[in-house]
């Protein structure tokens, strides 16, 4: 295999969380007087850390979100995860092949460590990830689209950026991977291929990803 480290995004790549979290987010923003459709939530916030929600709302309206916004949003999302969250179809097979081939991998997500772990436990993906293989936007000063998170993951895993490949499903994540000097494959289950500019390649299901990484 030509890569020494595979870096997975979490939401939408490992766990099928984007429909759930963006439904909750758009509903909560609308409830607070900032009408937001599900499609607008995907467009503006998919792949980003929660601070982007604060920044865009204030930029557009001049208003700050409530002080307990993050806590309330996360509690609603976690509750929905416990009811509905599933792993992305075929991802267990991808991870199993990487283990069998002896290829290191990790996860680098805009979500919090708590969010990542809640999702992994619900879907059973926690069996594939040691704690030291999990990286969150909480660990860096600037989340995606800045390259900081991916560069941190590469450094901690001991692999040069140019030997890493990132698996992403959002424009912000693709931008971050490219800025880090890494190859990136775009998963088109939620985002059309033409919205993932600059990727090394596209795939629409995990069976295709296994072939791309071979």
C-alpha atoms as a PDB file:
ATOM      1  CA  UNK A   1       0.000   0.000   0.000  1.00  0.00           C
ATOM      2  CA  UNK A   2       1.322   3.425  -0.928  1.00  0.00           C
ATOM      3  CA  UNK A   3       0.119   5.121   2.291  1.00  0.00           C
ATOM      4  CA  UNK A   4       1.555   4.676   5.771  1.00  0.00           C
ATOM      5  CA  UNK A   5      -1.442   6.158   7.608  1.00  0.00           C
ATOM      6  CA  UNK A   6      -5.158   6.367   6.818  1.00  0.00           C
ATOM      7  CA  UNK A   7      -6.907   9.257   8.602  1.00  0.00           C
ATOM      8  CA  UNK A   8     -10.689   8.954   8.781  1.00  0.00           C
ATOM      9  CA  UNK A   9     -13.114  11.760   9.349  1.00  0.00           C
ATOM     10  CA  UNK A  10     -15.794  10.565  11.760  1.00  0.00           C
ATOM     11  CA  UNK A  11     -19.214  12.027  11.032  1.00  0.00           C
ATOM     12  CA  UNK A  12     -20.544  10.717   7.745  1.00  0.00           C
ATOM     13  CA  UNK A  13     -17.485   8.544   7.093  1.00  0.00           C
ATOM     14  CA  UNK A  14     -17.348   6.138  10.042  1.00  0.00           C
ATOM     15  CA  UNK A  15     -20.772   6.787  11.561  1.00  0.00           C
ATOM     16  CA  UNK A  16     -23.882   7.785   9.629  1.00  0.00           C
ATOM     17  CA  UNK A  17     -24.434  10.843  11.805  1.00  0.00           C
ATOM     18  CA  UNK A  18     -24.761  13.760   9.395  1.00  0.00           C
ATOM     19  CA  UNK A  19     -28.510  13.354   8.724  1.00  0.00           C
ATOM     20  CA  UNK A  20     -29.158  13.123  12.465  1.00  0.00           C
ATOM     21  CA  UNK A  21     -26.932  15.978  13.625  1.00  0.00           C
ATOM     22  CA  UNK A  22     -27.975  18.382  10.876  1.00  0.00           C
ATOM     23  CA  UNK A  23     -31.643  17.687  11.490  1.00  0.00           C
ATOM     24  CA  UNK A  24     -31.116  18.507  15.171  1.00  0.00           C
ATOM     25  CA  UNK A  25     -28.953  21.562  14.439  1.00  0.00           C
ATOM     26  CA  UNK A  26     -31.282  23.080  11.844  1.00  0.00           C
ATOM     27  CA  UNK A  27     -34.270  22.532  14.120  1.00  0.00           C
ATOM     28  CA  UNK A  28     -32.553  24.099  17.131  1.00  0.00           C
ATOM     29  CA  UNK A  29     -31.361  27.157  15.198  1.00  0.00           C
ATOM     30  CA  UNK A  30     -34.857  27.652  13.802  1.00  0.00           C
ATOM     31  CA  UNK A  31     -36.289  27.332  17.312  1.00  0.00           C
ATOM     32  CA  UNK A  32     -33.910  30.101  18.454  1.00  0.00           C
ATOM     33  CA  UNK A  33     -35.148  32.466  15.733  1.00  0.00           C
ATOM     34  CA  UNK A  34     -32.525  31.727  13.084  1.00  0.00           C
ATOM     35  CA  UNK A  35     -34.517  29.834  10.425  1.00  0.00           C
ATOM     36  CA  UNK A  36     -32.278  27.137   8.951  1.00  0.00           C
ATOM     37  CA  UNK A  37     -33.285  24.305   6.661  1.00  0.00           C
ATOM     38  CA  UNK A  38     -31.678  20.878   6.753  1.00  0.00           C
ATOM     39  CA  UNK A  39     -30.069  21.597   3.373  1.00  0.00           C
ATOM     40  CA  UNK A  40     -28.674  24.910   4.617  1.00  0.00           C
ATOM     41  CA  UNK A  41     -27.231  23.182   7.674  1.00  0.00           C
ATOM     42  CA  UNK A  42     -25.435  20.679   5.458  1.00  0.00           C
ATOM     43  CA  UNK A  43     -24.132  23.444   3.217  1.00  0.00           C
ATOM     44  CA  UNK A  44     -22.883  25.717   5.989  1.00  0.00           C
ATOM     45  CA  UNK A  45     -21.873  23.445   8.849  1.00  0.00           C
ATOM     46  CA  UNK A  46     -21.188  19.904   7.647  1.00  0.00           C
ATOM     47  CA  UNK A  47     -17.674  18.900   8.661  1.00  0.00           C
ATOM     48  CA  UNK A  48     -17.074  21.906  10.908  1.00  0.00           C
ATOM     49  CA  UNK A  49     -16.660  22.396  14.631  1.00  0.00           C
ATOM     50  CA  UNK A  50     -19.492  24.024  16.570  1.00  0.00           C
ATOM     51  CA  UNK A  51     -17.679  27.367  16.829  1.00  0.00           C
ATOM     52  CA  UNK A  52     -18.451  27.863  13.117  1.00  0.00           C
ATOM     53  CA  UNK A  53     -22.167  27.907  13.970  1.00  0.00           C
ATOM     54  CA  UNK A  54     -21.573  30.713  16.467  1.00  0.00           C
ATOM     55  CA  UNK A  55     -19.395  32.630  14.021  1.00  0.00           C
ATOM     56  CA  UNK A  56     -21.795  32.452  11.052  1.00  0.00           C
ATOM     57  CA  UNK A  57     -24.899  33.292  13.060  1.00  0.00           C
ATOM     58  CA  UNK A  58     -23.227  36.339  14.597  1.00  0.00           C
ATOM     59  CA  UNK A  59     -21.774  37.390  11.245  1.00  0.00           C
ATOM     60  CA  UNK A  60     -25.153  37.161   9.526  1.00  0.00           C
ATOM     61  CA  UNK A  61     -27.436  38.512  12.247  1.00  0.00           C
ATOM     62  CA  UNK A  62     -25.262  40.406  14.689  1.00  0.00           C
ATOM     63  CA  UNK A  63     -26.686  38.223  17.460  1.00  0.00           C
ATOM     64  CA  UNK A  64     -24.885  35.788  19.732  1.00  0.00           C
ATOM     65  CA  UNK A  65     -26.217  32.319  20.372  1.00  0.00           C
ATOM     66  CA  UNK A  66     -27.177  31.479  23.982  1.00  0.00           C
ATOM     67  CA  UNK A  67     -24.413  30.663  26.420  1.00  0.00           C
ATOM     68  CA  UNK A  68     -25.740  27.118  26.810  1.00  0.00           C
ATOM     69  CA  UNK A  69     -26.074  26.533  23.047  1.00  0.00           C
ATOM     70  CA  UNK A  70     -23.260  23.981  22.799  1.00  0.00           C
ATOM     71  CA  UNK A  71     -24.421  22.012  25.826  1.00  0.00           C
ATOM     72  CA  UNK A  72     -28.037  21.903  24.645  1.00  0.00           C
ATOM     73  CA  UNK A  73     -27.102  21.046  21.060  1.00  0.00           C
ATOM     74  CA  UNK A  74     -24.798  18.226  22.092  1.00  0.00           C
ATOM     75  CA  UNK A  75     -27.285  16.762  24.559  1.00  0.00           C
ATOM     76  CA  UNK A  76     -29.966  16.685  21.852  1.00  0.00           C
ATOM     77  CA  UNK A  77     -27.599  15.147  19.312  1.00  0.00           C
ATOM     78  CA  UNK A  78     -26.364  12.508  21.781  1.00  0.00           C
ATOM     79  CA  UNK A  79     -29.948  11.578  22.648  1.00  0.00           C
ATOM     80  CA  UNK A  80     -30.740  11.160  18.952  1.00  0.00           C
ATOM     81  CA  UNK A  81     -27.558   9.133  18.419  1.00  0.00           C
ATOM     82  CA  UNK A  82     -28.563   6.681  21.141  1.00  0.00           C
ATOM     83  CA  UNK A  83     -31.852   6.118  19.335  1.00  0.00           C
ATOM     84  CA  UNK A  84     -30.819   6.170  15.685  1.00  0.00           C
ATOM     85  CA  UNK A  85     -27.082   6.109  14.984  1.00  0.00           C
ATOM     86  CA  UNK A  86     -25.635   3.338  12.785  1.00  0.00           C
ATOM     87  CA  UNK A  87     -22.154   2.751  11.346  1.00  0.00           C
ATOM     88  CA  UNK A  88     -21.616   3.652   7.714  1.00  0.00           C
ATOM     89  CA  UNK A  89     -22.316   0.511   5.719  1.00  0.00           C
ATOM     90  CA  UNK A  90     -19.150  -1.407   4.908  1.00  0.00           C
ATOM     91  CA  UNK A  91     -16.813   0.519   7.188  1.00  0.00           C
ATOM     92  CA  UNK A  92     -16.150  -2.503   9.426  1.00  0.00           C
ATOM     93  CA  UNK A  93     -14.812  -4.338   6.400  1.00  0.00           C
ATOM     94  CA  UNK A  94     -12.511  -1.419   5.515  1.00  0.00           C
ATOM     95  CA  UNK A  95     -11.112  -1.280   9.047  1.00  0.00           C
ATOM     96  CA  UNK A  96     -10.741  -5.046   9.164  1.00  0.00           C
ATOM     97  CA  UNK A  97      -8.730  -5.014   5.948  1.00  0.00           C
ATOM     98  CA  UNK A  98      -6.427  -2.290   7.268  1.00  0.00           C
ATOM     99  CA  UNK A  99      -5.802  -4.352  10.406  1.00  0.00           C
ATOM    100  CA  UNK A 100      -5.168  -7.471   8.345  1.00  0.00           C
ATOM    101  CA  UNK A 101      -2.739  -5.573   6.125  1.00  0.00           C
ATOM    102  CA  UNK A 102      -0.980  -3.952   9.087  1.00  0.00           C
ATOM    103  CA  UNK A 103      -1.774  -0.404   7.928  1.00  0.00           C
ATOM    104  CA  UNK A 104      -2.071   2.183  10.748  1.00  0.00           C
ATOM    105  CA  UNK A 105      -5.197   4.334  10.866  1.00  0.00           C
ATOM    106  CA  UNK A 106      -6.831   6.897  13.111  1.00  0.00           C
ATOM    107  CA  UNK A 107      -9.792   9.278  13.274  1.00  0.00           C
ATOM    108  CA  UNK A 108      -9.547  13.093  13.120  1.00  0.00           C
ATOM    109  CA  UNK A 109     -12.896  14.763  13.659  1.00  0.00           C
ATOM    110  CA  UNK A 110     -14.356  18.224  14.105  1.00  0.00           C
ATOM    111  CA  UNK A 111     -16.534  16.717  16.827  1.00  0.00           C
ATOM    112  CA  UNK A 112     -15.622  16.564  20.493  1.00  0.00           C
ATOM    113  CA  UNK A 113     -13.940  13.538  22.021  1.00  0.00           C
ATOM    114  CA  UNK A 114     -17.190  12.808  23.841  1.00  0.00           C
ATOM    115  CA  UNK A 115     -19.178  12.918  20.591  1.00  0.00           C
ATOM    116  CA  UNK A 116     -16.720  10.599  18.852  1.00  0.00           C
ATOM    117  CA  UNK A 117     -16.777   8.074  21.687  1.00  0.00           C
ATOM    118  CA  UNK A 118     -20.585   8.183  22.077  1.00  0.00           C
ATOM    119  CA  UNK A 119     -20.933   7.392  18.380  1.00  0.00           C
ATOM    120  CA  UNK A 120     -18.319   4.652  18.441  1.00  0.00           C
ATOM    121  CA  UNK A 121     -19.874   2.908  21.433  1.00  0.00           C
ATOM    122  CA  UNK A 122     -23.372   3.041  19.916  1.00  0.00           C
ATOM    123  CA  UNK A 123     -22.206   1.598  16.591  1.00  0.00           C
ATOM    124  CA  UNK A 124     -19.645  -0.883  17.920  1.00  0.00           C
ATOM    125  CA  UNK A 125     -16.783   0.898  16.168  1.00  0.00           C
ATOM    126  CA  UNK A 126     -15.015   1.424  19.491  1.00  0.00           C
ATOM    127  CA  UNK A 127     -13.548  -2.087  19.026  1.00  0.00           C
ATOM    128  CA  UNK A 128     -11.401  -0.714  16.186  1.00  0.00           C
ATOM    129  CA  UNK A 129      -9.957   2.405  17.858  1.00  0.00           C
ATOM    130  CA  UNK A 130      -7.500   2.767  20.704  1.00  0.00           C
ATOM    131  CA  UNK A 131      -7.816   6.012  22.652  1.00  0.00           C
ATOM    132  CA  UNK A 132      -4.512   7.325  21.270  1.00  0.00           C
ATOM    133  CA  UNK A 133      -5.833   6.940  17.713  1.00  0.00           C
ATOM    134  CA  UNK A 134      -8.618   9.491  18.260  1.00  0.00           C
ATOM    135  CA  UNK A 135      -8.077  13.192  17.479  1.00  0.00           C
ATOM    136  CA  UNK A 136     -10.610  15.983  17.896  1.00  0.00           C
ATOM    137  CA  UNK A 137     -10.836  19.646  17.006  1.00  0.00           C
ATOM    138  CA  UNK A 138     -10.679  20.106  20.784  1.00  0.00           C
ATOM    139  CA  UNK A 139      -6.987  19.193  20.520  1.00  0.00           C
ATOM    140  CA  UNK A 140      -5.989  22.105  18.257  1.00  0.00           C
ATOM    141  CA  UNK A 141      -6.449  25.849  18.116  1.00  0.00           C
ATOM    142  CA  UNK A 142      -8.055  25.877  14.671  1.00  0.00           C
ATOM    143  CA  UNK A 143     -10.407  23.239  13.314  1.00  0.00           C
ATOM    144  CA  UNK A 144     -11.112  22.351   9.686  1.00  0.00           C
ATOM    145  CA  UNK A 145     -10.598  23.895   7.128  1.00  0.00           C
ATOM    146  CA  UNK A 146      -7.274  24.657   8.839  1.00  0.00           C
ATOM    147  CA  UNK A 147      -4.791  21.761   8.463  1.00  0.00           C
ATOM    148  CA  UNK A 148      -3.903  21.690  12.168  1.00  0.00           C
ATOM    149  CA  UNK A 149      -5.978  18.641  13.131  1.00  0.00           C
ATOM    150  CA  UNK A 150      -4.655  16.421  10.356  1.00  0.00           C
ATOM    151  CA  UNK A 151      -1.088  17.559  10.969  1.00  0.00           C
ATOM    152  CA  UNK A 152      -1.469  16.754  14.668  1.00  0.00           C
ATOM    153  CA  UNK A 153      -2.773  13.282  13.839  1.00  0.00           C
ATOM    154  CA  UNK A 154       0.156  12.614  11.505  1.00  0.00           C
ATOM    155  CA  UNK A 155       2.674  13.868  14.074  1.00  0.00           C
ATOM    156  CA  UNK A 156       1.223  11.807  16.932  1.00  0.00           C
ATOM    157  CA  UNK A 157       1.012   8.703  14.731  1.00  0.00           C
ATOM    158  CA  UNK A 158       4.606   9.247  13.573  1.00  0.00           C
ATOM    159  CA  UNK A 159       3.973   9.492   9.828  1.00  0.00           C
ATOM    160  CA  UNK A 160       5.023  12.349   7.480  1.00  0.00           C
ATOM    161  CA  UNK A 161       2.014  14.215   5.998  1.00  0.00           C
ATOM    162  CA  UNK A 162       2.949  13.239   2.444  1.00  0.00           C
ATOM    163  CA  UNK A 163       2.586   9.547   3.395  1.00  0.00           C
ATOM    164  CA  UNK A 164      -0.927  10.031   4.781  1.00  0.00           C
ATOM    165  CA  UNK A 165      -4.314   9.785   3.101  1.00  0.00           C
ATOM    166  CA  UNK A 166      -7.485  11.364   4.482  1.00  0.00           C
ATOM    167  CA  UNK A 167     -11.010   9.986   4.029  1.00  0.00           C
ATOM    168  CA  UNK A 168     -13.475  12.887   4.023  1.00  0.00           C
ATOM    169  CA  UNK A 169     -17.035  13.736   3.034  1.00  0.00           C
ATOM    170  CA  UNK A 170     -17.159  17.525   3.419  1.00  0.00           C
ATOM    171  CA  UNK A 171     -15.650  20.465   1.512  1.00  0.00           C
ATOM    172  CA  UNK A 172     -14.149  21.846   4.732  1.00  0.00           C
ATOM    173  CA  UNK A 173     -12.458  18.534   5.456  1.00  0.00           C
ATOM    174  CA  UNK A 174     -11.106  18.220   1.928  1.00  0.00           C
ATOM    175  CA  UNK A 175      -9.708  21.743   2.154  1.00  0.00           C
ATOM    176  CA  UNK A 176      -8.015  20.892   5.453  1.00  0.00           C
ATOM    177  CA  UNK A 177      -6.464  17.727   4.063  1.00  0.00           C
ATOM    178  CA  UNK A 178      -5.109  19.504   0.991  1.00  0.00           C
ATOM    179  CA  UNK A 179      -3.702  22.287   3.182  1.00  0.00           C
ATOM    180  CA  UNK A 180      -1.932  19.601   5.226  1.00  0.00           C
ATOM    181  CA  UNK A 181      -0.254  18.277   2.080  1.00  0.00           C
ATOM    182  CA  UNK A 182      -2.113  14.973   2.170  1.00  0.00           C
ATOM    183  CA  UNK A 183      -3.974  12.973  -0.451  1.00  0.00           C
ATOM    184  CA  UNK A 184      -7.715  12.857   0.204  1.00  0.00           C
ATOM    185  CA  UNK A 185     -10.499  10.618  -1.041  1.00  0.00           C
ATOM    186  CA  UNK A 186     -13.977  12.121  -1.081  1.00  0.00           C
ATOM    187  CA  UNK A 187     -16.978  10.049   0.056  1.00  0.00           C
ATOM    188  CA  UNK A 188     -19.993  11.143  -1.969  1.00  0.00           C
ATOM    189  CA  UNK A 189     -22.797   9.598   0.087  1.00  0.00           C
ATOM    190  CA  UNK A 190     -23.996  13.014   1.322  1.00  0.00           C
ATOM    191  CA  UNK A 191     -22.172  15.584  -0.801  1.00  0.00           C
ATOM    192  CA  UNK A 192     -22.111  15.597  -4.628  1.00  0.00           C
ATOM    193  CA  UNK A 193     -18.712  14.965  -6.169  1.00  0.00           C
ATOM    194  CA  UNK A 194     -18.613  18.453  -7.691  1.00  0.00           C
ATOM    195  CA  UNK A 195     -18.743  19.928  -4.158  1.00  0.00           C
ATOM    196  CA  UNK A 196     -15.567  18.081  -3.152  1.00  0.00           C
ATOM    197  CA  UNK A 197     -13.087  19.950  -5.305  1.00  0.00           C
ATOM    198  CA  UNK A 198      -9.424  19.020  -5.193  1.00  0.00           C
ATOM    199  CA  UNK A 199      -9.775  15.431  -4.035  1.00  0.00           C
ATOM    200  CA  UNK A 200      -7.390  12.699  -5.139  1.00  0.00           C
ATOM    201  CA  UNK A 201     -10.402  10.548  -6.012  1.00  0.00           C
ATOM    202  CA  UNK A 202     -14.078   9.936  -5.239  1.00  0.00           C
ATOM    203  CA  UNK A 203     -15.943   6.889  -3.986  1.00  0.00           C
ATOM    204  CA  UNK A 204     -19.619   6.292  -3.282  1.00  0.00           C
ATOM    205  CA  UNK A 205     -19.445   3.160  -1.125  1.00  0.00           C
ATOM    206  CA  UNK A 206     -16.928   1.539   1.180  1.00  0.00           C
ATOM    207  CA  UNK A 207     -16.246  -1.375  -1.183  1.00  0.00           C
ATOM    208  CA  UNK A 208     -14.779   1.160  -3.614  1.00  0.00           C
ATOM    209  CA  UNK A 209     -12.621   2.634  -0.854  1.00  0.00           C
ATOM    210  CA  UNK A 210     -11.098  -0.769  -0.124  1.00  0.00           C
ATOM    211  CA  UNK A 211     -10.007  -0.897  -3.761  1.00  0.00           C
ATOM    212  CA  UNK A 212      -8.624   2.661  -3.718  1.00  0.00           C
ATOM    213  CA  UNK A 213      -6.501   1.893  -0.655  1.00  0.00           C
ATOM    214  CA  UNK A 214      -5.185  -1.420  -1.966  1.00  0.00           C
END
